[in-house]
Amino acid sequence: MSYPVTLAVEYPERLSRGWVILKVLFDWLYVGVPHGIILGLYGIAVGIVTFIAFWVILFTGKYPRGMFDFVVGYMRWTNNVIAYQSLLRDEYPPFSGSE
């Protein structure tokens, strides 16, 4: 059985120092603003879905697959953005919860 969320970070062999400085100084602007707005709204929806899922799990004993996938997508997207801003990955994070 595979886990629904995996985190894999590859070691970069060489980084441009100038590019790293630019990322550190300006990533909040070109990553934080667009992703932050969308993830903020997505986070509100995840909070509502989690609240509903709590009651569904309480009464049925089962986490609905659609709600689970919705929350996992949010966690993946959030982790992709955090990894990019922490300089753990060089690819710009996608605007989705896919891998």
PDB file of N, CA and C in Angstrom:
ATOM      1  N   MET A   1       0.841  -1.174   0.000  1.00  0.00           N
ATOM      2  CA  MET A   1       0.000   0.000   0.000  1.00  0.00           C
ATOM      3  C   MET A   1       0.892   1.245   0.000  1.00  0.00           C
ATOM      4  N   SER A   2       0.605   2.165  -0.885  1.00  0.00           N
ATOM      5  CA  SER A   2       1.393   3.399  -0.925  1.00  0.00           C
ATOM      6  C   SER A   2       0.700   4.476  -0.097  1.00  0.00           C
ATOM      7  N   TYR A   3       1.482   5.396   0.379  1.00  0.00           N
ATOM      8  CA  TYR A   3       0.938   6.478   1.179  1.00  0.00           C
ATOM      9  C   TYR A   3       0.315   7.532   0.271  1.00  0.00           C
ATOM     10  N   PRO A   4      -0.727   8.234   0.719  1.00  0.00           N
ATOM     11  CA  PRO A   4      -1.375   9.232  -0.141  1.00  0.00           C
ATOM     12  C   PRO A   4      -0.518  10.469  -0.370  1.00  0.00           C
ATOM     13  N   VAL A   5       0.395  10.768   0.541  1.00  0.00           N
ATOM     14  CA  VAL A   5       1.262  11.929   0.392  1.00  0.00           C
ATOM     15  C   VAL A   5       2.700  11.483   0.602  1.00  0.00           C
ATOM     16  N   THR A   6       3.555  11.813  -0.347  1.00  0.00           N
ATOM     17  CA  THR A   6       4.970  11.515  -0.197  1.00  0.00           C
ATOM     18  C   THR A   6       5.759  12.792  -0.420  1.00  0.00           C
ATOM     19  N   LEU A   7       6.862  12.912   0.256  1.00  0.00           N
ATOM     20  CA  LEU A   7       7.731  14.070   0.110  1.00  0.00           C
ATOM     21  C   LEU A   7       9.095  13.573  -0.317  1.00  0.00           C
ATOM     22  N   ALA A   8       9.523  13.995  -1.500  1.00  0.00           N
ATOM     23  CA  ALA A   8      10.826  13.605  -2.007  1.00  0.00           C
ATOM     24  C   ALA A   8      11.567  14.863  -2.432  1.00  0.00           C
ATOM     25  N   VAL A   9      12.733  15.060  -1.868  1.00  0.00           N
ATOM     26  CA  VAL A   9      13.549  16.225  -2.192  1.00  0.00           C
ATOM     27  C   VAL A   9      14.887  15.728  -2.714  1.00  0.00           C
ATOM     28  N   GLU A  10      15.247  16.161  -3.929  1.00  0.00           N
ATOM     29  CA  GLU A  10      16.512  15.756  -4.516  1.00  0.00           C
ATOM     30  C   GLU A  10      17.563  16.818  -4.232  1.00  0.00           C
ATOM     31  N   TYR A  11      18.763  16.385  -3.960  1.00  0.00           N
ATOM     32  CA  TYR A  11      19.867  17.290  -3.674  1.00  0.00           C
ATOM     33  C   TYR A  11      20.333  17.964  -4.962  1.00  0.00           C
ATOM     34  N   PRO A  12      20.322  19.296  -5.004  1.00  0.00           N
ATOM     35  CA  PRO A  12      20.805  19.978  -6.216  1.00  0.00           C
ATOM     36  C   PRO A  12      22.329  19.988  -6.245  1.00  0.00           C
ATOM     37  N   GLU A  13      22.901  19.580  -7.353  1.00  0.00           N
ATOM     38  CA  GLU A  13      24.362  19.532  -7.470  1.00  0.00           C
ATOM     39  C   GLU A  13      24.970  20.924  -7.586  1.00  0.00           C
ATOM     40  N   ARG A  14      24.284  21.841  -8.260  1.00  0.00           N
ATOM     41  CA  ARG A  14      24.837  23.182  -8.445  1.00  0.00           C
ATOM     42  C   ARG A  14      23.699  24.187  -8.464  1.00  0.00           C
ATOM     43  N   LEU A  15      23.877  25.283  -7.757  1.00  0.00           N
ATOM     44  CA  LEU A  15      22.905  26.373  -7.740  1.00  0.00           C
ATOM     45  C   LEU A  15      23.593  27.680  -8.097  1.00  0.00           C
ATOM     46  N   SER A  16      22.868  28.537  -8.784  1.00  0.00           N
ATOM     47  CA  SER A  16      23.380  29.869  -9.089  1.00  0.00           C
ATOM     48  C   SER A  16      23.159  30.747  -7.864  1.00  0.00           C
ATOM     49  N   ARG A  17      24.206  31.357  -7.355  1.00  0.00           N
ATOM     50  CA  ARG A  17      24.078  32.191  -6.159  1.00  0.00           C
ATOM     51  C   ARG A  17      23.196  33.403  -6.412  1.00  0.00           C
ATOM     52  N   GLY A  18      23.321  33.980  -7.593  1.00  0.00           N
ATOM     53  CA  GLY A  18      22.489  35.138  -7.935  1.00  0.00           C
ATOM     54  C   GLY A  18      21.014  34.778  -7.978  1.00  0.00           C
ATOM     55  N   TRP A  19      20.722  33.612  -8.557  1.00  0.00           N
ATOM     56  CA  TRP A  19      19.329  33.172  -8.649  1.00  0.00           C
ATOM     57  C   TRP A  19      18.758  32.886  -7.256  1.00  0.00           C
ATOM     58  N   VAL A  20      19.564  32.333  -6.378  1.00  0.00           N
ATOM     59  CA  VAL A  20      19.115  32.058  -5.010  1.00  0.00           C
ATOM     60  C   VAL A  20      18.802  33.356  -4.281  1.00  0.00           C
ATOM     61  N   ILE A  21      19.644  34.378  -4.440  1.00  0.00           N
ATOM     62  CA  ILE A  21      19.390  35.672  -3.802  1.00  0.00           C
ATOM     63  C   ILE A  21      18.092  36.275  -4.319  1.00  0.00           C
ATOM     64  N   LEU A  22      17.875  36.212  -5.625  1.00  0.00           N
ATOM     65  CA  LEU A  22      16.632  36.740  -6.189  1.00  0.00           C
ATOM     66  C   LEU A  22      15.415  35.988  -5.661  1.00  0.00           C
ATOM     67  N   LYS A  23      15.539  34.672  -5.552  1.00  0.00           N
ATOM     68  CA  LYS A  23      14.433  33.877  -5.011  1.00  0.00           C
ATOM     69  C   LYS A  23      14.134  34.266  -3.565  1.00  0.00           C
ATOM     70  N   VAL A  24      15.162  34.410  -2.773  1.00  0.00           N
ATOM     71  CA  VAL A  24      14.973  34.744  -1.359  1.00  0.00           C
ATOM     72  C   VAL A  24      14.315  36.113  -1.221  1.00  0.00           C
ATOM     73  N   LEU A  25      14.726  37.070  -2.044  1.00  0.00           N
ATOM     74  CA  LEU A  25      14.206  38.430  -1.919  1.00  0.00           C
ATOM     75  C   LEU A  25      12.814  38.609  -2.513  1.00  0.00           C
ATOM     76  N   PHE A  26      12.525  37.922  -3.612  1.00  0.00           N
ATOM     77  CA  PHE A  26      11.295  38.211  -4.336  1.00  0.00           C
ATOM     78  C   PHE A  26      10.304  37.059  -4.444  1.00  0.00           C
ATOM     79  N   ASP A  27      10.576  35.914  -3.823  1.00  0.00           N
ATOM     80  CA  ASP A  27       9.635  34.798  -3.981  1.00  0.00           C
ATOM     81  C   ASP A  27       8.289  35.087  -3.340  1.00  0.00           C
ATOM     82  N   TRP A  28       8.262  35.919  -2.321  1.00  0.00           N
ATOM     83  CA  TRP A  28       6.979  36.280  -1.716  1.00  0.00           C
ATOM     84  C   TRP A  28       6.098  36.998  -2.732  1.00  0.00           C
ATOM     85  N   LEU A  29       6.706  37.710  -3.683  1.00  0.00           N
ATOM     86  CA  LEU A  29       5.940  38.479  -4.652  1.00  0.00           C
ATOM     87  C   LEU A  29       5.367  37.599  -5.760  1.00  0.00           C
ATOM     88  N   TYR A  30       6.217  36.794  -6.384  1.00  0.00           N
ATOM     89  CA  TYR A  30       5.736  36.018  -7.524  1.00  0.00           C
ATOM     90  C   TYR A  30       5.243  34.623  -7.153  1.00  0.00           C
ATOM     91  N   VAL A  31       5.466  34.183  -5.929  1.00  0.00           N
ATOM     92  CA  VAL A  31       4.924  32.901  -5.478  1.00  0.00           C
ATOM     93  C   VAL A  31       3.916  33.127  -4.364  1.00  0.00           C
ATOM     94  N   GLY A  32       4.300  33.894  -3.375  1.00  0.00           N
ATOM     95  CA  GLY A  32       3.468  34.076  -2.197  1.00  0.00           C
ATOM     96  C   GLY A  32       2.136  34.737  -2.470  1.00  0.00           C
ATOM     97  N   VAL A  33       2.123  35.740  -3.327  1.00  0.00           N
ATOM     98  CA  VAL A  33       0.871  36.459  -3.574  1.00  0.00           C
ATOM     99  C   VAL A  33      -0.132  35.600  -4.345  1.00  0.00           C
ATOM    100  N   PRO A  34       0.207  35.094  -5.546  1.00  0.00           N
ATOM    101  CA  PRO A  34      -0.823  34.323  -6.258  1.00  0.00           C
ATOM    102  C   PRO A  34      -1.207  33.019  -5.554  1.00  0.00           C
ATOM    103  N   HIS A  35      -0.198  32.279  -5.103  1.00  0.00           N
ATOM    104  CA  HIS A  35      -0.502  31.024  -4.421  1.00  0.00           C
ATOM    105  C   HIS A  35      -1.151  31.291  -3.065  1.00  0.00           C
ATOM    106  N   GLY A  36      -0.701  32.330  -2.386  1.00  0.00           N
ATOM    107  CA  GLY A  36      -1.250  32.645  -1.071  1.00  0.00           C
ATOM    108  C   GLY A  36      -2.733  32.978  -1.106  1.00  0.00           C
ATOM    109  N   ILE A  37      -3.147  33.753  -2.111  1.00  0.00           N
ATOM    110  CA  ILE A  37      -4.567  34.110  -2.229  1.00  0.00           C
ATOM    111  C   ILE A  37      -5.404  32.866  -2.495  1.00  0.00           C
ATOM    112  N   ILE A  38      -4.976  32.080  -3.459  1.00  0.00           N
ATOM    113  CA  ILE A  38      -5.752  30.889  -3.815  1.00  0.00           C
ATOM    114  C   ILE A  38      -5.729  29.863  -2.685  1.00  0.00           C
ATOM    115  N   LEU A  39      -4.555  29.655  -2.073  1.00  0.00           N
ATOM    116  CA  LEU A  39      -4.470  28.690  -0.976  1.00  0.00           C
ATOM    117  C   LEU A  39      -5.246  29.168   0.251  1.00  0.00           C
ATOM    118  N   GLY A  40      -5.335  30.468   0.447  1.00  0.00           N
ATOM    119  CA  GLY A  40      -6.145  30.984   1.552  1.00  0.00           C
ATOM    120  C   GLY A  40      -7.610  30.626   1.380  1.00  0.00           C
ATOM    121  N   LEU A  41      -8.128  30.814   0.163  1.00  0.00           N
ATOM    122  CA  LEU A  41      -9.526  30.448  -0.110  1.00  0.00           C
ATOM    123  C   LEU A  41      -9.717  28.931  -0.068  1.00  0.00           C
ATOM    124  N   TYR A  42      -8.752  28.220  -0.623  1.00  0.00           N
ATOM    125  CA  TYR A  42      -8.784  26.763  -0.609  1.00  0.00           C
ATOM    126  C   TYR A  42      -8.746  26.260   0.840  1.00  0.00           C
ATOM    127  N   GLY A  43      -7.962  26.909   1.686  1.00  0.00           N
ATOM    128  CA  GLY A  43      -7.859  26.526   3.094  1.00  0.00           C
ATOM    129  C   GLY A  43      -9.181  26.700   3.834  1.00  0.00           C
ATOM    130  N   ILE A  44      -9.915  27.760   3.506  1.00  0.00           N
ATOM    131  CA  ILE A  44     -11.241  27.950   4.110  1.00  0.00           C
ATOM    132  C   ILE A  44     -12.158  26.806   3.714  1.00  0.00           C
ATOM    133  N   ALA A  45     -12.121  26.446   2.424  1.00  0.00           N
ATOM    134  CA  ALA A  45     -12.948  25.329   1.947  1.00  0.00           C
ATOM    135  C   ALA A  45     -12.518  24.024   2.611  1.00  0.00           C
ATOM    136  N   VAL A  46     -11.213  23.826   2.800  1.00  0.00           N
ATOM    137  CA  VAL A  46     -10.727  22.608   3.464  1.00  0.00           C
ATOM    138  C   VAL A  46     -11.209  22.569   4.909  1.00  0.00           C
ATOM    139  N   GLY A  47     -11.231  23.707   5.575  1.00  0.00           N
ATOM    140  CA  GLY A  47     -11.748  23.749   6.946  1.00  0.00           C
ATOM    141  C   GLY A  47     -13.202  23.331   7.014  1.00  0.00           C
ATOM    142  N   ILE A  48     -14.000  23.804   6.071  1.00  0.00           N
ATOM    143  CA  ILE A  48     -15.422  23.434   6.034  1.00  0.00           C
ATOM    144  C   ILE A  48     -15.576  21.953   5.720  1.00  0.00           C
ATOM    145  N   VAL A  49     -14.822  21.475   4.729  1.00  0.00           N
ATOM    146  CA  VAL A  49     -14.887  20.054   4.360  1.00  0.00           C
ATOM    147  C   VAL A  49     -14.432  19.177   5.521  1.00  0.00           C
ATOM    148  N   THR A  50     -13.404  19.592   6.229  1.00  0.00           N
ATOM    149  CA  THR A  50     -12.905  18.821   7.368  1.00  0.00           C
ATOM    150  C   THR A  50     -13.944  18.757   8.476  1.00  0.00           C
ATOM    151  N   PHE A  51     -14.638  19.864   8.714  1.00  0.00           N
ATOM    152  CA  PHE A  51     -15.689  19.870   9.727  1.00  0.00           C
ATOM    153  C   PHE A  51     -16.817  18.903   9.358  1.00  0.00           C
ATOM    154  N   ILE A  52     -17.221  18.944   8.086  1.00  0.00           N
ATOM    155  CA  ILE A  52     -18.274  18.026   7.623  1.00  0.00           C
ATOM    156  C   ILE A  52     -17.775  16.583   7.678  1.00  0.00           C
ATOM    157  N   ALA A  53     -16.512  16.375   7.257  1.00  0.00           N
ATOM    158  CA  ALA A  53     -15.946  15.020   7.269  1.00  0.00           C
ATOM    159  C   ALA A  53     -15.873  14.464   8.688  1.00  0.00           C
ATOM    160  N   PHE A  54     -15.611  15.322   9.669  1.00  0.00           N
ATOM    161  CA  PHE A  54     -15.582  14.871  11.060  1.00  0.00           C
ATOM    162  C   PHE A  54     -16.908  14.214  11.436  1.00  0.00           C
ATOM    163  N   TRP A  55     -17.996  14.866  11.104  1.00  0.00           N
ATOM    164  CA  TRP A  55     -19.311  14.321  11.451  1.00  0.00           C
ATOM    165  C   TRP A  55     -19.647  13.080  10.638  1.00  0.00           C
ATOM    166  N   VAL A  56     -19.236  13.077   9.377  1.00  0.00           N
ATOM    167  CA  VAL A  56     -19.469  11.884   8.553  1.00  0.00           C
ATOM    168  C   VAL A  56     -18.691  10.702   9.115  1.00  0.00           C
ATOM    169  N   ILE A  57     -17.436  10.923   9.490  1.00  0.00           N
ATOM    170  CA  ILE A  57     -16.620   9.849  10.071  1.00  0.00           C
ATOM    171  C   ILE A  57     -17.201   9.398  11.399  1.00  0.00           C
ATOM    172  N   LEU A  58     -17.697  10.332  12.177  1.00  0.00           N
ATOM    173  CA  LEU A  58     -18.261  10.003  13.481  1.00  0.00           C
ATOM    174  C   LEU A  58     -19.462   9.064  13.346  1.00  0.00           C
ATOM    175  N   PHE A  59     -20.314   9.332  12.366  1.00  0.00           N
ATOM    176  CA  PHE A  59     -21.536   8.534  12.231  1.00  0.00           C
ATOM    177  C   PHE A  59     -21.392   7.317  11.323  1.00  0.00           C
ATOM    178  N   THR A  60     -20.521   7.375  10.324  1.00  0.00           N
ATOM    179  CA  THR A  60     -20.395   6.239   9.410  1.00  0.00           C
ATOM    180  C   THR A  60     -19.135   5.420   9.648  1.00  0.00           C
ATOM    181  N   GLY A  61     -18.129   6.017  10.291  1.00  0.00           N
ATOM    182  CA  GLY A  61     -16.875   5.322  10.528  1.00  0.00           C
ATOM    183  C   GLY A  61     -15.986   5.263   9.304  1.00  0.00           C
ATOM    184  N   LYS A  62     -16.298   6.076   8.288  1.00  0.00           N
ATOM    185  CA  LYS A  62     -15.533   6.044   7.054  1.00  0.00           C
ATOM    186  C   LYS A  62     -15.335   7.461   6.517  1.00  0.00           C
ATOM    187  N   TYR A  63     -14.110   7.743   6.070  1.00  0.00           N
ATOM    188  CA  TYR A  63     -13.781   9.053   5.492  1.00  0.00           C
ATOM    189  C   TYR A  63     -14.212   9.021   4.023  1.00  0.00           C
ATOM    190  N   PRO A  64     -15.119   9.887   3.597  1.00  0.00           N
ATOM    191  CA  PRO A  64     -15.536   9.887   2.188  1.00  0.00           C
ATOM    192  C   PRO A  64     -14.355  10.177   1.262  1.00  0.00           C
ATOM    193  N   ARG A  65     -14.233   9.380   0.205  1.00  0.00           N
ATOM    194  CA  ARG A  65     -13.076   9.455  -0.686  1.00  0.00           C
ATOM    195  C   ARG A  65     -12.912  10.846  -1.315  1.00  0.00           C
ATOM    196  N   GLY A  66     -13.996  11.461  -1.750  1.00  0.00           N
ATOM    197  CA  GLY A  66     -13.917  12.774  -2.370  1.00  0.00           C
ATOM    198  C   GLY A  66     -13.397  13.837  -1.416  1.00  0.00           C
ATOM    199  N   MET A  67     -13.862  13.796  -0.179  1.00  0.00           N
ATOM    200  CA  MET A  67     -13.399  14.750   0.831  1.00  0.00           C
ATOM    201  C   MET A  67     -11.929  14.510   1.156  1.00  0.00           C
ATOM    202  N   PHE A  68     -11.548  13.260   1.238  1.00  0.00           N
ATOM    203  CA  PHE A  68     -10.158  12.901   1.515  1.00  0.00           C
ATOM    204  C   PHE A  68      -9.248  13.417   0.407  1.00  0.00           C
ATOM    205  N   ASP A  69      -9.617  13.180  -0.849  1.00  0.00           N
ATOM    206  CA  ASP A  69      -8.815  13.629  -1.981  1.00  0.00           C
ATOM    207  C   ASP A  69      -8.721  15.161  -2.027  1.00  0.00           C
ATOM    208  N   PHE A  70      -9.793  15.844  -1.647  1.00  0.00           N
ATOM    209  CA  PHE A  70      -9.806  17.300  -1.615  1.00  0.00           C
ATOM    210  C   PHE A  70      -8.792  17.833  -0.606  1.00  0.00           C
ATOM    211  N   VAL A  71      -8.767  17.252   0.580  1.00  0.00           N
ATOM    212  CA  VAL A  71      -7.840  17.684   1.628  1.00  0.00           C
ATOM    213  C   VAL A  71      -6.407  17.309   1.268  1.00  0.00           C
ATOM    214  N   VAL A  72      -6.190  16.132   0.699  1.00  0.00           N
ATOM    215  CA  VAL A  72      -4.847  15.714   0.293  1.00  0.00           C
ATOM    216  C   VAL A  72      -4.314  16.632  -0.800  1.00  0.00           C
ATOM    217  N   GLY A  73      -5.172  17.048  -1.732  1.00  0.00           N
ATOM    218  CA  GLY A  73      -4.754  17.982  -2.774  1.00  0.00           C
ATOM    219  C   GLY A  73      -4.286  19.302  -2.190  1.00  0.00           C
ATOM    220  N   TYR A  74      -4.985  19.779  -1.181  1.00  0.00           N
ATOM    221  CA  TYR A  74      -4.585  21.016  -0.500  1.00  0.00           C
ATOM    222  C   TYR A  74      -3.224  20.852   0.177  1.00  0.00           C
ATOM    223  N   MET A  75      -3.037  19.730   0.848  1.00  0.00           N
ATOM    224  CA  MET A  75      -1.768  19.492   1.538  1.00  0.00           C
ATOM    225  C   MET A  75      -0.614  19.386   0.539  1.00  0.00           C
ATOM    226  N   ARG A  76      -0.828  18.720  -0.593  1.00  0.00           N
ATOM    227  CA  ARG A  76       0.220  18.613  -1.610  1.00  0.00           C
ATOM    228  C   ARG A  76       0.589  19.979  -2.158  1.00  0.00           C
ATOM    229  N   TRP A  77      -0.430  20.775  -2.481  1.00  0.00           N
ATOM    230  CA  TRP A  77      -0.189  22.095  -3.045  1.00  0.00           C
ATOM    231  C   TRP A  77       0.581  22.962  -2.047  1.00  0.00           C
ATOM    232  N   THR A  78       0.130  22.943  -0.795  1.00  0.00           N
ATOM    233  CA  THR A  78       0.792  23.723   0.246  1.00  0.00           C
ATOM    234  C   THR A  78       2.247  23.288   0.411  1.00  0.00           C
ATOM    235  N   ASN A  79       2.505  21.992   0.436  1.00  0.00           N
ATOM    236  CA  ASN A  79       3.874  21.492   0.584  1.00  0.00           C
ATOM    237  C   ASN A  79       4.738  21.836  -0.616  1.00  0.00           C
ATOM    238  N   ASN A  80       4.172  21.840  -1.832  1.00  0.00           N
ATOM    239  CA  ASN A  80       4.929  22.244  -3.010  1.00  0.00           C
ATOM    240  C   ASN A  80       5.361  23.701  -2.907  1.00  0.00           C
ATOM    241  N   VAL A  81       4.458  24.571  -2.461  1.00  0.00           N
ATOM    242  CA  VAL A  81       4.783  25.992  -2.323  1.00  0.00           C
ATOM    243  C   VAL A  81       5.825  26.202  -1.223  1.00  0.00           C
ATOM    244  N   ILE A  82       5.661  25.535  -0.099  1.00  0.00           N
ATOM    245  CA  ILE A  82       6.618  25.671   1.000  1.00  0.00           C
ATOM    246  C   ILE A  82       7.993  25.151   0.584  1.00  0.00           C
ATOM    247  N   ALA A  83       8.040  24.037  -0.138  1.00  0.00           N
ATOM    248  CA  ALA A  83       9.319  23.492  -0.597  1.00  0.00           C
ATOM    249  C   ALA A  83       9.999  24.460  -1.558  1.00  0.00           C
ATOM    250  N   TYR A  84       9.233  25.096  -2.434  1.00  0.00           N
ATOM    251  CA  TYR A  84       9.821  26.059  -3.364  1.00  0.00           C
ATOM    252  C   TYR A  84      10.358  27.273  -2.620  1.00  0.00           C
ATOM    253  N   GLN A  85       9.587  27.791  -1.674  1.00  0.00           N
ATOM    254  CA  GLN A  85      10.015  28.968  -0.932  1.00  0.00           C
ATOM    255  C   GLN A  85      11.167  28.659   0.022  1.00  0.00           C
ATOM    256  N   SER A  86      11.318  27.409   0.410  1.00  0.00           N
ATOM    257  CA  SER A  86      12.427  27.009   1.285  1.00  0.00           C
ATOM    258  C   SER A  86      13.658  26.603   0.496  1.00  0.00           C
ATOM    259  N   LEU A  87      13.614  26.811  -0.815  1.00  0.00           N
ATOM    260  CA  LEU A  87      14.713  26.479  -1.727  1.00  0.00           C
ATOM    261  C   LEU A  87      15.010  24.983  -1.767  1.00  0.00           C
ATOM    262  N   LEU A  88      13.996  24.159  -1.553  1.00  0.00           N
ATOM    263  CA  LEU A  88      14.163  22.712  -1.633  1.00  0.00           C
ATOM    264  C   LEU A  88      13.853  22.174  -3.025  1.00  0.00           C
ATOM    265  N   ARG A  89      13.283  23.015  -3.882  1.00  0.00           N
ATOM    266  CA  ARG A  89      13.003  22.621  -5.258  1.00  0.00           C
ATOM    267  C   ARG A  89      13.140  23.832  -6.155  1.00  0.00           C
ATOM    268  N   ASP A  90      13.485  23.591  -7.416  1.00  0.00           N
ATOM    269  CA  ASP A  90      13.681  24.688  -8.352  1.00  0.00           C
ATOM    270  C   ASP A  90      12.492  24.902  -9.275  1.00  0.00           C
ATOM    271  N   GLU A  91      11.647  23.907  -9.440  1.00  0.00           N
ATOM    272  CA  GLU A  91      10.504  24.040 -10.327  1.00  0.00           C
ATOM    273  C   GLU A  91       9.433  24.895  -9.656  1.00  0.00           C
ATOM    274  N   TYR A  92       8.874  25.837 -10.427  1.00  0.00           N
ATOM    275  CA  TYR A  92       7.800  26.662  -9.904  1.00  0.00           C
ATOM    276  C   TYR A  92       6.634  25.764  -9.537  1.00  0.00           C
ATOM    277  N   PRO A  93       6.032  25.943  -8.351  1.00  0.00           N
ATOM    278  CA  PRO A  93       4.966  25.034  -7.928  1.00  0.00           C
ATOM    279  C   PRO A  93       3.723  25.171  -8.812  1.00  0.00           C
ATOM    280  N   PRO A  94       3.123  24.044  -9.177  1.00  0.00           N
ATOM    281  CA  PRO A  94       1.932  24.098 -10.022  1.00  0.00           C
ATOM    282  C   PRO A  94       0.723  24.612  -9.236  1.00  0.00           C
ATOM    283  N   PHE A  95      -0.232  25.164  -9.948  1.00  0.00           N
ATOM    284  CA  PHE A  95      -1.469  25.630  -9.332  1.00  0.00           C
ATOM    285  C   PHE A  95      -2.464  24.475  -9.259  1.00  0.00           C
ATOM    286  N   SER A  96      -2.061  23.409  -8.599  1.00  0.00           N
ATOM    287  CA  SER A  96      -2.940  22.258  -8.419  1.00  0.00           C
ATOM    288  C   SER A  96      -2.423  21.406  -7.279  1.00  0.00           C
ATOM    289  N   GLY A  97      -3.241  20.470  -6.861  1.00  0.00           N
ATOM    290  CA  GLY A  97      -2.858  19.562  -5.799  1.00  0.00           C
ATOM    291  C   GLY A  97      -2.315  18.257  -6.328  1.00  0.00           C
ATOM    292  N   SER A  98      -2.005  18.220  -7.616  1.00  0.00           N
ATOM    293  CA  SER A  98      -1.440  17.001  -8.165  1.00  0.00           C
ATOM    294  C   SER A  98       0.028  16.905  -7.782  1.00  0.00           C
ATOM    295  N   GLU A  99       0.606  15.764  -8.024  1.00  0.00           N
ATOM    296  CA  GLU A  99       2.008  15.547  -7.675  1.00  0.00           C
ATOM    297  C   GLU A  99       2.838  16.455  -8.472  1.00  0.00           C
TER     298      GLU A  99
END
